[in-house]
Amino acid sequence: MSSYKTKLSSINTFIFDVDGVLTDSTVILDSSGEMVRSMNTRDGYAMQYAVKNGYNVCIITGGNSPMVKQRLEYLGINDVYLAATSKTACLEEYINRKGIDLNQVLYMGDDLPDFSVMKQIGLPTCPKDAAIEILQIAEYVSHYNGGRGCVRDVIEQTLRAQGNWPIPT
């Protein structure tokens, strides 16, 4: 069994970046100047299912989109750090406030702002199309690209490993 599969049994917290993880890194500018992103509904299902089943789900992003926050809150995710200038500072505030052990955290990031956080937590993961530096430090690289099911992939694997996915294998 690979190292990351062993770690899945102790994960109780999922932390995700937005652009390049929950989205495909594409930003569309509409005529009003709003930056439009799309999110995968299966990723959304997995996140809300994890929240409803007692897992911590947190978002840390450098972006500052009210629409992204609204979507995440709709899914039941209340720990959303927008406009994060230091993802490490957000991580520290979050785990201290919640009393979370870093070894129980799965983090998924895709680019250089995620690097320092990924070096601190128990299980660093990334989408298949992450930046090379992130691919090199991830203990698990999803078979899915950002915004295309990579979040569902890691949540489902974790919940299955713990016997908490709704339909057993």
Protein backbone atom coordinates (compact mmCIF):
# COMPACT_ATOMS: atom_id res chain seq x y z
CA MET A 1 0.00 0.00 0.00
CA SER A 2 1.40 3.38 -0.92
CA SER A 3 2.21 5.96 1.74
CA TYR A 4 -0.64 8.29 0.82
CA LYS A 5 -3.22 5.47 1.08
CA THR A 6 -2.03 4.72 4.61
CA LYS A 7 -2.45 8.39 5.56
CA LEU A 8 -6.06 8.54 4.30
CA SER A 9 -7.28 6.70 7.40
CA SER A 10 -6.24 9.58 9.69
CA ILE A 11 -7.53 12.52 7.59
CA ASN A 12 -10.32 14.56 9.19
CA THR A 13 -9.70 17.88 7.43
CA PHE A 14 -9.69 18.88 3.78
CA ILE A 15 -8.25 22.21 2.67
CA PHE A 16 -8.50 23.33 -0.93
CA ASP A 17 -7.28 26.17 -3.09
CA VAL A 18 -9.82 27.56 -5.58
CA ASP A 19 -8.26 28.57 -8.90
CA GLY A 20 -6.69 25.52 -10.51
CA VAL A 21 -8.20 23.11 -7.96
CA LEU A 22 -11.92 23.83 -7.66
CA THR A 23 -11.76 25.51 -11.07
CA ASP A 24 -9.86 24.71 -14.25
CA SER A 25 -7.69 27.86 -13.93
CA THR A 26 -9.75 29.65 -16.57
CA VAL A 27 -11.14 33.07 -15.75
CA ILE A 28 -13.68 34.57 -18.14
CA LEU A 29 -14.15 38.32 -18.02
CA ASP A 30 -17.74 39.29 -18.71
CA SER A 31 -18.85 42.70 -19.99
CA SER A 32 -19.36 44.00 -16.44
CA GLY A 33 -15.78 43.13 -15.54
CA GLU A 34 -16.80 40.22 -13.33
CA MET A 35 -14.39 37.30 -13.40
CA VAL A 36 -16.47 34.19 -14.05
CA ARG A 37 -15.30 30.72 -13.03
CA SER A 38 -16.93 27.33 -13.27
CA MET A 39 -16.87 24.64 -10.59
CA ASN A 40 -17.47 20.93 -10.91
CA THR A 41 -20.75 19.77 -9.35
CA ARG A 42 -19.29 16.39 -8.38
CA ASP A 43 -16.55 18.18 -6.46
CA GLY A 44 -19.34 20.18 -4.81
CA TYR A 45 -21.28 17.06 -3.91
CA ALA A 46 -18.22 15.47 -2.31
CA MET A 47 -17.42 18.60 -0.28
CA GLN A 48 -20.95 18.99 1.06
CA TYR A 49 -21.11 15.26 1.82
CA ALA A 50 -17.85 15.49 3.78
CA VAL A 51 -19.15 18.48 5.77
CA LYS A 52 -22.44 16.70 6.55
CA ASN A 53 -20.47 13.72 7.80
CA GLY A 54 -18.35 15.68 10.26
CA TYR A 55 -15.21 16.38 8.27
CA ASN A 56 -13.62 19.82 8.34
CA VAL A 57 -13.57 21.49 4.93
CA CYS A 58 -11.73 24.76 4.48
CA ILE A 59 -10.90 26.92 1.47
CA ILE A 60 -7.81 29.13 1.30
CA THR A 61 -7.49 31.24 -1.83
CA GLY A 62 -5.73 34.35 -3.00
CA GLY A 63 -8.82 35.21 -5.01
CA ASN A 64 -11.56 37.46 -3.70
CA SER A 65 -14.77 36.50 -5.46
CA PRO A 66 -18.04 36.94 -3.56
CA MET A 67 -19.66 34.46 -5.97
CA VAL A 68 -17.10 31.79 -5.06
CA LYS A 69 -17.78 32.37 -1.36
CA GLN A 70 -21.54 32.21 -1.98
CA ARG A 71 -21.20 28.87 -3.80
CA LEU A 72 -19.04 27.41 -1.04
CA GLU A 73 -21.41 28.58 1.70
CA TYR A 74 -24.29 27.01 -0.25
CA LEU A 75 -22.36 23.72 0.06
CA GLY A 76 -22.06 24.20 3.83
CA ILE A 77 -18.45 25.33 3.85
CA ASN A 78 -18.14 28.19 6.31
CA ASP A 79 -14.36 28.31 6.67
CA VAL A 80 -13.44 30.30 3.56
CA TYR A 81 -10.35 32.48 3.47
CA LEU A 82 -10.54 34.88 0.52
CA ALA A 83 -7.77 37.27 -0.58
CA ALA A 84 -5.23 35.25 1.41
CA THR A 85 -1.89 37.01 1.14
CA SER A 86 -0.31 34.33 3.35
CA LYS A 87 -1.84 30.88 3.02
CA THR A 88 0.45 29.72 5.84
CA ALA A 89 -1.01 32.33 8.21
CA CYS A 90 -4.55 31.25 7.24
CA LEU A 91 -3.64 27.60 7.82
CA GLU A 92 -2.21 28.37 11.26
CA GLU A 93 -5.25 30.44 12.29
CA TYR A 94 -7.63 27.71 11.08
CA ILE A 95 -5.94 24.72 12.72
CA ASN A 96 -5.42 26.61 16.00
CA ARG A 97 -9.05 27.76 16.10
CA LYS A 98 -10.34 24.25 15.34
CA GLY A 99 -7.72 22.28 17.31
CA ILE A 100 -6.67 20.27 14.26
CA ASP A 101 -3.48 18.20 14.07
CA LEU A 102 -1.53 19.04 10.90
CA ASN A 103 -1.01 15.31 10.29
CA GLN A 104 -4.78 14.95 9.86
CA VAL A 105 -4.94 17.55 7.06
CA LEU A 106 -5.18 16.79 3.35
CA TYR A 107 -4.40 19.89 1.31
CA MET A 108 -4.84 20.21 -2.44
CA GLY A 109 -3.08 23.01 -4.27
CA ASP A 110 -1.87 23.55 -7.79
CA ASP A 111 0.62 26.42 -7.92
CA LEU A 112 3.44 28.22 -6.13
CA PRO A 113 1.30 30.03 -3.50
CA ASP A 114 0.36 26.55 -2.19
CA PHE A 115 3.94 25.31 -1.83
CA SER A 116 4.66 26.38 1.77
CA VAL A 117 1.32 25.07 3.08
CA MET A 118 1.82 21.76 1.32
CA LYS A 119 5.19 21.35 3.04
CA GLN A 120 3.52 21.63 6.48
CA ILE A 121 0.51 19.35 6.38
CA GLY A 122 0.05 15.60 6.63
CA LEU A 123 -1.01 14.79 3.08
CA PRO A 124 -0.15 17.19 0.23
CA THR A 125 -2.09 16.49 -2.97
CA CYS A 126 -2.60 18.19 -6.31
CA PRO A 127 -4.50 17.96 -9.60
CA LYS A 128 -2.87 16.28 -12.58
CA ASP A 129 -2.23 19.64 -14.27
CA ALA A 130 -0.53 21.37 -11.33
CA ALA A 131 2.69 23.37 -11.65
CA ILE A 132 5.83 21.24 -11.79
CA GLU A 133 7.03 22.39 -8.36
CA ILE A 134 3.75 21.28 -6.81
CA LEU A 135 3.76 17.96 -8.67
CA GLN A 136 7.21 17.31 -7.19
CA ILE A 137 6.11 17.71 -3.55
CA ALA A 138 2.63 16.16 -3.74
CA GLU A 139 2.33 12.73 -2.15
CA TYR A 140 -0.70 12.09 -4.34
CA VAL A 141 -1.38 13.47 -7.81
CA SER A 142 -5.00 13.07 -8.86
CA HIS A 143 -5.76 11.52 -12.22
CA TYR A 144 -8.08 14.52 -12.75
CA ASN A 145 -7.24 18.09 -13.71
CA GLY A 146 -8.23 21.11 -11.64
CA GLY A 147 -11.96 21.82 -11.86
CA ARG A 148 -12.53 18.40 -13.42
CA GLY A 149 -13.06 16.12 -10.43
CA CYS A 150 -9.75 16.19 -8.53
CA VAL A 151 -11.48 17.34 -5.32
CA ARG A 152 -14.08 14.57 -5.54
CA ASP A 153 -11.21 12.13 -6.16
CA VAL A 154 -9.38 12.86 -2.89
CA ILE A 155 -12.52 13.19 -0.76
CA GLU A 156 -14.00 9.97 -2.11
CA GLN A 157 -10.74 8.06 -1.63
CA THR A 158 -10.48 9.31 1.96
CA LEU A 159 -14.08 8.54 2.88
CA ARG A 160 -13.89 5.12 1.23
CA ALA A 161 -10.69 4.32 3.16
CA GLN A 162 -12.54 5.20 6.37
CA GLY A 163 -15.73 3.35 5.42
CA ASN A 164 -17.73 6.59 5.19
CA TRP A 165 -18.57 6.81 1.47
CA PRO A 166 -22.30 6.22 0.85
CA ILE A 167 -21.85 3.34 -1.57
CA PRO A 168 -19.18 0.77 -0.70
CA THR A 169 -16.80 -0.57 -3.33
